[in-house]
């Protein structure tokens, strides 16, 4: 009886661990997918010369995925375009 309770607690702990890992995996997938959407929208804002909104979306993308190289480069392109527009 005592061993049954111990085994039951271990199974419950393992189940919780598996659920936590699955939640973590899903959370990472959601962040990755959201980062992609923010990036795509930022690109469209940039092309339409809506620079402030493009920067906001690039920043949001990088907050979700700090290793999103293209978003960092896109943001730098926006800053360069803004400087060119001011200089003109």
C-alpha atoms as a PDB file:
ATOM      1  CA  UNK A   1       0.000   0.000   0.000  1.00  0.00           C
ATOM      2  CA  UNK A   2       2.810   2.411   0.925  1.00  0.00           C
ATOM      3  CA  UNK A   3       4.679   1.536  -2.261  1.00  0.00           C
ATOM      4  CA  UNK A   4       1.522   2.110  -4.311  1.00  0.00           C
ATOM      5  CA  UNK A   5       1.215   5.679  -2.963  1.00  0.00           C
ATOM      6  CA  UNK A   6       4.891   6.327  -3.655  1.00  0.00           C
ATOM      7  CA  UNK A   7       4.559   5.066  -7.234  1.00  0.00           C
ATOM      8  CA  UNK A   8       1.395   7.118  -7.689  1.00  0.00           C
ATOM      9  CA  UNK A   9       3.180  10.304  -6.511  1.00  0.00           C
ATOM     10  CA  UNK A  10       6.082   9.604  -8.870  1.00  0.00           C
ATOM     11  CA  UNK A  11       3.690   9.114 -11.775  1.00  0.00           C
ATOM     12  CA  UNK A  12       1.934  12.367 -10.901  1.00  0.00           C
ATOM     13  CA  UNK A  13       5.255  14.227 -10.794  1.00  0.00           C
ATOM     14  CA  UNK A  14       6.309  12.771 -14.140  1.00  0.00           C
ATOM     15  CA  UNK A  15       2.961  13.717 -15.649  1.00  0.00           C
ATOM     16  CA  UNK A  16       3.371  17.287 -14.400  1.00  0.00           C
ATOM     17  CA  UNK A  17       6.917  17.422 -15.761  1.00  0.00           C
ATOM     18  CA  UNK A  18       5.727  16.224 -19.168  1.00  0.00           C
ATOM     19  CA  UNK A  19       2.899  18.779 -19.151  1.00  0.00           C
ATOM     20  CA  UNK A  20       5.337  21.566 -18.245  1.00  0.00           C
ATOM     21  CA  UNK A  21       7.677  20.567 -21.069  1.00  0.00           C
ATOM     22  CA  UNK A  22       4.788  20.500 -23.517  1.00  0.00           C
ATOM     23  CA  UNK A  23       3.623  23.943 -22.369  1.00  0.00           C
ATOM     24  CA  UNK A  24       7.153  25.275 -22.740  1.00  0.00           C
ATOM     25  CA  UNK A  25       7.413  23.814 -26.242  1.00  0.00           C
ATOM     26  CA  UNK A  26       4.076  25.337 -27.251  1.00  0.00           C
ATOM     27  CA  UNK A  27       5.025  28.691 -25.739  1.00  0.00           C
ATOM     28  CA  UNK A  28       8.246  28.746 -27.773  1.00  0.00           C
ATOM     29  CA  UNK A  29       6.317  27.850 -30.926  1.00  0.00           C
ATOM     30  CA  UNK A  30       3.798  30.641 -30.327  1.00  0.00           C
ATOM     31  CA  UNK A  31       6.562  33.185 -29.722  1.00  0.00           C
ATOM     32  CA  UNK A  32       8.357  32.077 -32.867  1.00  0.00           C
ATOM     33  CA  UNK A  33       5.212  32.286 -34.979  1.00  0.00           C
ATOM     34  CA  UNK A  34       4.256  35.662 -33.516  1.00  0.00           C
ATOM     35  CA  UNK A  35       7.740  36.967 -34.221  1.00  0.00           C
ATOM     36  CA  UNK A  36       7.312  35.918 -37.864  1.00  0.00           C
ATOM     37  CA  UNK A  37       4.006  37.802 -38.101  1.00  0.00           C
ATOM     38  CA  UNK A  38       5.477  40.945 -36.553  1.00  0.00           C
ATOM     39  CA  UNK A  39       8.404  40.730 -38.953  1.00  0.00           C
ATOM     40  CA  UNK A  40       6.167  40.393 -42.015  1.00  0.00           C
ATOM     41  CA  UNK A  41       4.027  43.321 -40.921  1.00  0.00           C
ATOM     42  CA  UNK A  42       7.111  45.431 -40.175  1.00  0.00           C
ATOM     43  CA  UNK A  43       8.368  44.728 -43.679  1.00  0.00           C
ATOM     44  CA  UNK A  44       5.079  45.953 -45.154  1.00  0.00           C
ATOM     45  CA  UNK A  45       5.142  49.072 -42.978  1.00  0.00           C
ATOM     46  CA  UNK A  46       8.697  49.747 -44.090  1.00  0.00           C
ATOM     47  CA  UNK A  47       7.805  49.376 -47.777  1.00  0.00           C
ATOM     48  CA  UNK A  48       4.896  51.798 -47.322  1.00  0.00           C
ATOM     49  CA  UNK A  49       7.250  54.216 -45.519  1.00  0.00           C
ATOM     50  CA  UNK A  50       5.327  53.975 -42.253  1.00  0.00           C
ATOM     51  CA  UNK A  51       8.598  53.982 -40.360  1.00  0.00           C
ATOM     52  CA  UNK A  52       7.363  54.419 -36.794  1.00  0.00           C
ATOM     53  CA  UNK A  53       5.060  51.418 -37.024  1.00  0.00           C
ATOM     54  CA  UNK A  54       7.762  49.381 -38.738  1.00  0.00           C
ATOM     55  CA  UNK A  55      10.138  50.071 -35.853  1.00  0.00           C
ATOM     56  CA  UNK A  56       7.467  49.098 -33.325  1.00  0.00           C
ATOM     57  CA  UNK A  57       6.896  45.766 -35.058  1.00  0.00           C
ATOM     58  CA  UNK A  58      10.597  45.050 -35.514  1.00  0.00           C
ATOM     59  CA  UNK A  59      11.060  45.760 -31.791  1.00  0.00           C
ATOM     60  CA  UNK A  60       8.160  43.456 -30.900  1.00  0.00           C
ATOM     61  CA  UNK A  61       9.639  40.760 -33.121  1.00  0.00           C
ATOM     62  CA  UNK A  62      13.020  41.075 -31.413  1.00  0.00           C
ATOM     63  CA  UNK A  63      11.420  41.021 -27.983  1.00  0.00           C
ATOM     64  CA  UNK A  64       9.835  37.680 -28.841  1.00  0.00           C
ATOM     65  CA  UNK A  65      12.950  36.359 -30.563  1.00  0.00           C
ATOM     66  CA  UNK A  66      16.163  38.270 -29.789  1.00  0.00           C
ATOM     67  CA  UNK A  67      18.053  36.159 -32.348  1.00  0.00           C
ATOM     68  CA  UNK A  68      15.870  37.224 -35.295  1.00  0.00           C
ATOM     69  CA  UNK A  69      18.722  38.652 -37.377  1.00  0.00           C
ATOM     70  CA  UNK A  70      16.500  39.841 -40.230  1.00  0.00           C
ATOM     71  CA  UNK A  71      14.369  41.919 -37.846  1.00  0.00           C
ATOM     72  CA  UNK A  72      17.449  43.612 -36.446  1.00  0.00           C
ATOM     73  CA  UNK A  73      18.669  44.390 -39.953  1.00  0.00           C
ATOM     74  CA  UNK A  74      15.225  45.599 -41.003  1.00  0.00           C
ATOM     75  CA  UNK A  75      15.091  47.961 -38.067  1.00  0.00           C
ATOM     76  CA  UNK A  76      18.494  49.365 -39.014  1.00  0.00           C
ATOM     77  CA  UNK A  77      17.267  49.883 -42.569  1.00  0.00           C
ATOM     78  CA  UNK A  78      14.316  51.862 -41.225  1.00  0.00           C
ATOM     79  CA  UNK A  79      16.612  54.077 -39.170  1.00  0.00           C
ATOM     80  CA  UNK A  80      18.767  54.720 -42.251  1.00  0.00           C
ATOM     81  CA  UNK A  81      15.679  55.526 -44.341  1.00  0.00           C
ATOM     82  CA  UNK A  82      14.443  57.924 -41.646  1.00  0.00           C
ATOM     83  CA  UNK A  83      17.810  59.722 -41.626  1.00  0.00           C
ATOM     84  CA  UNK A  84      17.706  59.999 -45.418  1.00  0.00           C
ATOM     85  CA  UNK A  85      14.176  61.408 -45.313  1.00  0.00           C
ATOM     86  CA  UNK A  86      15.182  64.040 -42.743  1.00  0.00           C
ATOM     87  CA  UNK A  87      18.287  64.991 -44.739  1.00  0.00           C
ATOM     88  CA  UNK A  88      16.269  65.444 -47.940  1.00  0.00           C
END
